[in-house]
Amino acid sequence: MLKDTALLDQQGKEAPQANITQTANEWEAPTPLEATVSAPPFPINSLPEILRAFVFAVAEHTQTPIDMSAVASLGVSSACLQGKYLVQGKIGHTEPLNNYYVEVAKPGERKSAVSAIFEEPIKAYEKRKNEAFALDIAHG
């Protein structure tokens, strides 16, 4: 059971008490949890033509913003190129071509539908490879 409680500093000595006499009327207004942020439009013309056409098709099919499909295309493209190329930022220092992307939208705005379309070829490839390796693994 706690009797008297006090704040202690790093050395275990009692810290001075702050004078808490501020009233609710003197407080600052709280910061809203949901802020409206406007982002610049996605530079869709920077995508290769074939990928850009697919992005437009997915956006039309899913009735979602082009930006959402474009971001998904970058994530999947990055996954496909990962391990195949290195980026040299300065002479003698390289990094693998790894990027991570996230689609930010409210629930029900079809993020999963968009991602599924772009991820399907990767999942199909993984399934084929796993089936091919299954025999090798089973016969060890």
C-alpha atoms as a PDB file:
ATOM      1  CA  MET A   1       0.000   0.000   0.000  1.00  0.00           C
ATOM      2  CA  LEU A   2       1.391   3.371  -1.030  1.00  0.00           C
ATOM      3  CA  LYS A   3       1.634   6.008   1.677  1.00  0.00           C
ATOM      4  CA  ASP A   4       3.337   9.194   0.614  1.00  0.00           C
ATOM      5  CA  THR A   5       4.591   9.245  -2.952  1.00  0.00           C
ATOM      6  CA  ALA A   6       7.210  11.580  -4.343  1.00  0.00           C
ATOM      7  CA  LEU A   7       9.042  12.013  -7.613  1.00  0.00           C
ATOM      8  CA  LEU A   8      12.673  10.965  -7.407  1.00  0.00           C
ATOM      9  CA  ASP A   9      15.538  12.216  -9.536  1.00  0.00           C
ATOM     10  CA  GLN A  10      18.190   9.939 -11.089  1.00  0.00           C
ATOM     11  CA  GLN A  11      20.185   9.806  -7.834  1.00  0.00           C
ATOM     12  CA  GLY A  12      17.094   8.726  -5.866  1.00  0.00           C
ATOM     13  CA  LYS A  13      16.652  12.088  -4.137  1.00  0.00           C
ATOM     14  CA  GLU A  14      13.257  13.679  -3.945  1.00  0.00           C
ATOM     15  CA  ALA A  15      12.689  15.968  -6.926  1.00  0.00           C
ATOM     16  CA  PRO A  16      11.171  19.394  -6.377  1.00  0.00           C
ATOM     17  CA  GLN A  17       7.422  19.513  -6.914  1.00  0.00           C
ATOM     18  CA  ALA A  18       6.098  21.574  -9.794  1.00  0.00           C
ATOM     19  CA  ASN A  19       3.505  24.185  -9.018  1.00  0.00           C
ATOM     20  CA  ILE A  20       0.405  22.777 -10.741  1.00  0.00           C
ATOM     21  CA  THR A  21      -2.121  25.565 -10.461  1.00  0.00           C
ATOM     22  CA  GLN A  22      -3.002  25.935 -14.132  1.00  0.00           C
ATOM     23  CA  THR A  23      -6.726  25.760 -14.810  1.00  0.00           C
ATOM     24  CA  ALA A  24      -8.449  24.105 -17.745  1.00  0.00           C
ATOM     25  CA  ASN A  25      -9.144  27.519 -19.282  1.00  0.00           C
ATOM     26  CA  GLU A  26      -5.388  28.185 -19.575  1.00  0.00           C
ATOM     27  CA  TRP A  27      -4.599  24.977 -21.474  1.00  0.00           C
ATOM     28  CA  GLU A  28      -3.771  24.964 -25.139  1.00  0.00           C
ATOM     29  CA  ALA A  29      -6.289  23.434 -27.518  1.00  0.00           C
ATOM     30  CA  PRO A  30      -5.533  19.738 -28.111  1.00  0.00           C
ATOM     31  CA  THR A  31      -3.899  18.706 -31.348  1.00  0.00           C
ATOM     32  CA  PRO A  32      -6.369  16.787 -33.534  1.00  0.00           C
ATOM     33  CA  LEU A  33      -5.472  13.140 -34.116  1.00  0.00           C
ATOM     34  CA  GLU A  34      -6.495  13.267 -37.749  1.00  0.00           C
ATOM     35  CA  ALA A  35      -4.777  16.030 -39.644  1.00  0.00           C
ATOM     36  CA  THR A  36      -5.562  16.830 -43.228  1.00  0.00           C
ATOM     37  CA  VAL A  37      -2.429  16.579 -45.305  1.00  0.00           C
ATOM     38  CA  SER A  38      -2.303  17.302 -48.977  1.00  0.00           C
ATOM     39  CA  ALA A  39       0.399  15.503 -50.888  1.00  0.00           C
ATOM     40  CA  PRO A  40       1.671  16.497 -54.300  1.00  0.00           C
ATOM     41  CA  PRO A  41       0.300  14.426 -57.176  1.00  0.00           C
ATOM     42  CA  PHE A  42       2.211  11.252 -57.983  1.00  0.00           C
ATOM     43  CA  PRO A  43       4.660  11.810 -60.879  1.00  0.00           C
ATOM     44  CA  ILE A  44       2.928   9.178 -63.002  1.00  0.00           C
ATOM     45  CA  ASN A  45       4.870  10.125 -66.134  1.00  0.00           C
ATOM     46  CA  SER A  46       8.101   9.017 -64.460  1.00  0.00           C
ATOM     47  CA  LEU A  47       6.994   5.369 -64.645  1.00  0.00           C
ATOM     48  CA  PRO A  48       7.937   3.294 -67.696  1.00  0.00           C
ATOM     49  CA  GLU A  49       5.134   3.313 -70.269  1.00  0.00           C
ATOM     50  CA  ILE A  50       4.110  -0.330 -69.812  1.00  0.00           C
ATOM     51  CA  LEU A  51       3.979   0.008 -66.013  1.00  0.00           C
ATOM     52  CA  ARG A  52       2.132   3.333 -66.289  1.00  0.00           C
ATOM     53  CA  ALA A  53      -0.511   1.702 -68.527  1.00  0.00           C
ATOM     54  CA  PHE A  54      -0.960  -1.113 -65.992  1.00  0.00           C
ATOM     55  CA  VAL A  55      -1.252   1.420 -63.145  1.00  0.00           C
ATOM     56  CA  PHE A  56      -4.024   3.238 -65.030  1.00  0.00           C
ATOM     57  CA  ALA A  57      -5.801  -0.059 -65.747  1.00  0.00           C
ATOM     58  CA  VAL A  58      -5.680  -1.176 -62.097  1.00  0.00           C
ATOM     59  CA  ALA A  59      -6.875   2.217 -60.876  1.00  0.00           C
ATOM     60  CA  GLU A  60      -9.807   2.130 -63.308  1.00  0.00           C
ATOM     61  CA  HIS A  61     -10.661  -1.498 -62.522  1.00  0.00           C
ATOM     62  CA  THR A  62     -10.607  -0.970 -58.748  1.00  0.00           C
ATOM     63  CA  GLN A  63     -12.049   2.560 -58.905  1.00  0.00           C
ATOM     64  CA  THR A  64      -9.178   3.867 -56.778  1.00  0.00           C
ATOM     65  CA  PRO A  65      -6.819   6.843 -57.075  1.00  0.00           C
ATOM     66  CA  ILE A  66      -3.962   6.452 -59.535  1.00  0.00           C
ATOM     67  CA  ASP A  67      -1.540   7.238 -56.700  1.00  0.00           C
ATOM     68  CA  MET A  68      -2.564   4.081 -54.846  1.00  0.00           C
ATOM     69  CA  SER A  69      -1.852   1.849 -57.846  1.00  0.00           C
ATOM     70  CA  ALA A  70       1.384   3.690 -58.607  1.00  0.00           C
ATOM     71  CA  VAL A  71       2.717   3.162 -55.073  1.00  0.00           C
ATOM     72  CA  ALA A  72       1.792  -0.527 -55.216  1.00  0.00           C
ATOM     73  CA  SER A  73       3.615  -0.807 -58.558  1.00  0.00           C
ATOM     74  CA  LEU A  74       6.773   0.669 -57.027  1.00  0.00           C
ATOM     75  CA  GLY A  75       6.670  -1.764 -54.117  1.00  0.00           C
ATOM     76  CA  VAL A  76       6.271  -4.809 -56.339  1.00  0.00           C
ATOM     77  CA  SER A  77       8.870  -3.556 -58.833  1.00  0.00           C
ATOM     78  CA  SER A  78      11.296  -3.071 -55.974  1.00  0.00           C
ATOM     79  CA  ALA A  79      10.677  -6.621 -54.752  1.00  0.00           C
ATOM     80  CA  CYS A  80      11.354  -7.960 -58.250  1.00  0.00           C
ATOM     81  CA  LEU A  81      14.622  -6.017 -58.630  1.00  0.00           C
ATOM     82  CA  GLN A  82      15.889  -6.599 -55.102  1.00  0.00           C
ATOM     83  CA  GLY A  83      19.153  -8.481 -55.132  1.00  0.00           C
ATOM     84  CA  LYS A  84      19.688  -7.914 -58.849  1.00  0.00           C
ATOM     85  CA  TYR A  85      21.204  -4.424 -58.652  1.00  0.00           C
ATOM     86  CA  LEU A  86      23.303  -2.332 -56.298  1.00  0.00           C
ATOM     87  CA  VAL A  87      23.096   1.432 -55.919  1.00  0.00           C
ATOM     88  CA  GLN A  88      26.356   3.315 -55.502  1.00  0.00           C
ATOM     89  CA  GLY A  89      25.748   6.504 -53.497  1.00  0.00           C
ATOM     90  CA  LYS A  90      29.419   7.403 -53.336  1.00  0.00           C
ATOM     91  CA  ILE A  91      32.490   5.739 -54.754  1.00  0.00           C
ATOM     92  CA  GLY A  92      33.231   2.516 -52.922  1.00  0.00           C
ATOM     93  CA  HIS A  93      29.908   2.323 -51.060  1.00  0.00           C
ATOM     94  CA  THR A  94      27.015   0.316 -52.453  1.00  0.00           C
ATOM     95  CA  GLU A  95      23.614  -0.615 -51.083  1.00  0.00           C
ATOM     96  CA  PRO A  96      21.121  -3.200 -52.367  1.00  0.00           C
ATOM     97  CA  LEU A  97      18.162  -1.851 -54.268  1.00  0.00           C
ATOM     98  CA  ASN A  98      15.599  -2.270 -51.483  1.00  0.00           C
ATOM     99  CA  ASN A  99      12.642   0.007 -51.024  1.00  0.00           C
ATOM    100  CA  TYR A 100       9.608  -0.270 -48.822  1.00  0.00           C
ATOM    101  CA  TYR A 101       6.269   1.305 -49.606  1.00  0.00           C
ATOM    102  CA  VAL A 102       3.000   1.606 -47.758  1.00  0.00           C
ATOM    103  CA  GLU A 103      -0.375   2.685 -49.019  1.00  0.00           C
ATOM    104  CA  VAL A 104      -2.039   4.935 -46.466  1.00  0.00           C
ATOM    105  CA  ALA A 105      -5.799   5.201 -46.694  1.00  0.00           C
ATOM    106  CA  LYS A 106      -8.818   4.756 -44.487  1.00  0.00           C
ATOM    107  CA  PRO A 107     -10.461   1.345 -44.069  1.00  0.00           C
ATOM    108  CA  GLY A 108     -12.621   0.325 -47.018  1.00  0.00           C
ATOM    109  CA  GLU A 109     -10.731   2.359 -49.614  1.00  0.00           C
ATOM    110  CA  ARG A 110      -9.654  -0.817 -51.491  1.00  0.00           C
ATOM    111  CA  LYS A 111      -5.974  -0.937 -50.546  1.00  0.00           C
ATOM    112  CA  SER A 112      -6.088  -4.733 -50.373  1.00  0.00           C
ATOM    113  CA  ALA A 113      -7.750  -5.028 -53.790  1.00  0.00           C
ATOM    114  CA  VAL A 114      -5.063  -2.895 -55.401  1.00  0.00           C
ATOM    115  CA  SER A 115      -2.195  -4.665 -53.624  1.00  0.00           C
ATOM    116  CA  ALA A 116      -3.585  -8.106 -54.513  1.00  0.00           C
ATOM    117  CA  ILE A 117      -3.523  -7.343 -58.238  1.00  0.00           C
ATOM    118  CA  PHE A 118       0.105  -6.250 -58.130  1.00  0.00           C
ATOM    119  CA  GLU A 119       1.209  -9.044 -55.785  1.00  0.00           C
ATOM    120  CA  GLU A 120      -0.490 -11.878 -57.704  1.00  0.00           C
ATOM    121  CA  PRO A 121       2.398 -12.562 -60.139  1.00  0.00           C
ATOM    122  CA  ILE A 122       4.875 -12.727 -57.247  1.00  0.00           C
ATOM    123  CA  LYS A 123       2.659 -15.124 -55.308  1.00  0.00           C
ATOM    124  CA  ALA A 124       2.191 -17.306 -58.407  1.00  0.00           C
ATOM    125  CA  TYR A 125       5.972 -17.378 -58.948  1.00  0.00           C
ATOM    126  CA  GLU A 126       6.568 -18.305 -55.300  1.00  0.00           C
ATOM    127  CA  LYS A 127       3.985 -21.094 -55.551  1.00  0.00           C
ATOM    128  CA  ARG A 128       5.644 -22.554 -58.667  1.00  0.00           C
ATOM    129  CA  LYS A 129       9.094 -22.395 -57.067  1.00  0.00           C
ATOM    130  CA  ASN A 130       7.864 -23.953 -53.811  1.00  0.00           C
ATOM    131  CA  GLU A 131       6.212 -26.801 -55.717  1.00  0.00           C
ATOM    132  CA  ALA A 132       9.418 -27.392 -57.689  1.00  0.00           C
ATOM    133  CA  PHE A 133      11.540 -27.373 -54.538  1.00  0.00           C
ATOM    134  CA  ALA A 134       9.100 -29.589 -52.623  1.00  0.00           C
ATOM    135  CA  LEU A 135      10.364 -32.699 -54.398  1.00  0.00           C
ATOM    136  CA  ASP A 136      13.983 -31.782 -53.727  1.00  0.00           C
ATOM    137  CA  ILE A 137      13.218 -31.119 -50.063  1.00  0.00           C
ATOM    138  CA  ALA A 138      11.204 -34.343 -49.660  1.00  0.00           C
ATOM    139  CA  HIS A 139      13.995 -36.447 -51.151  1.00  0.00           C
ATOM    140  CA  GLY A 140      16.623 -34.429 -49.302  1.00  0.00           C
END
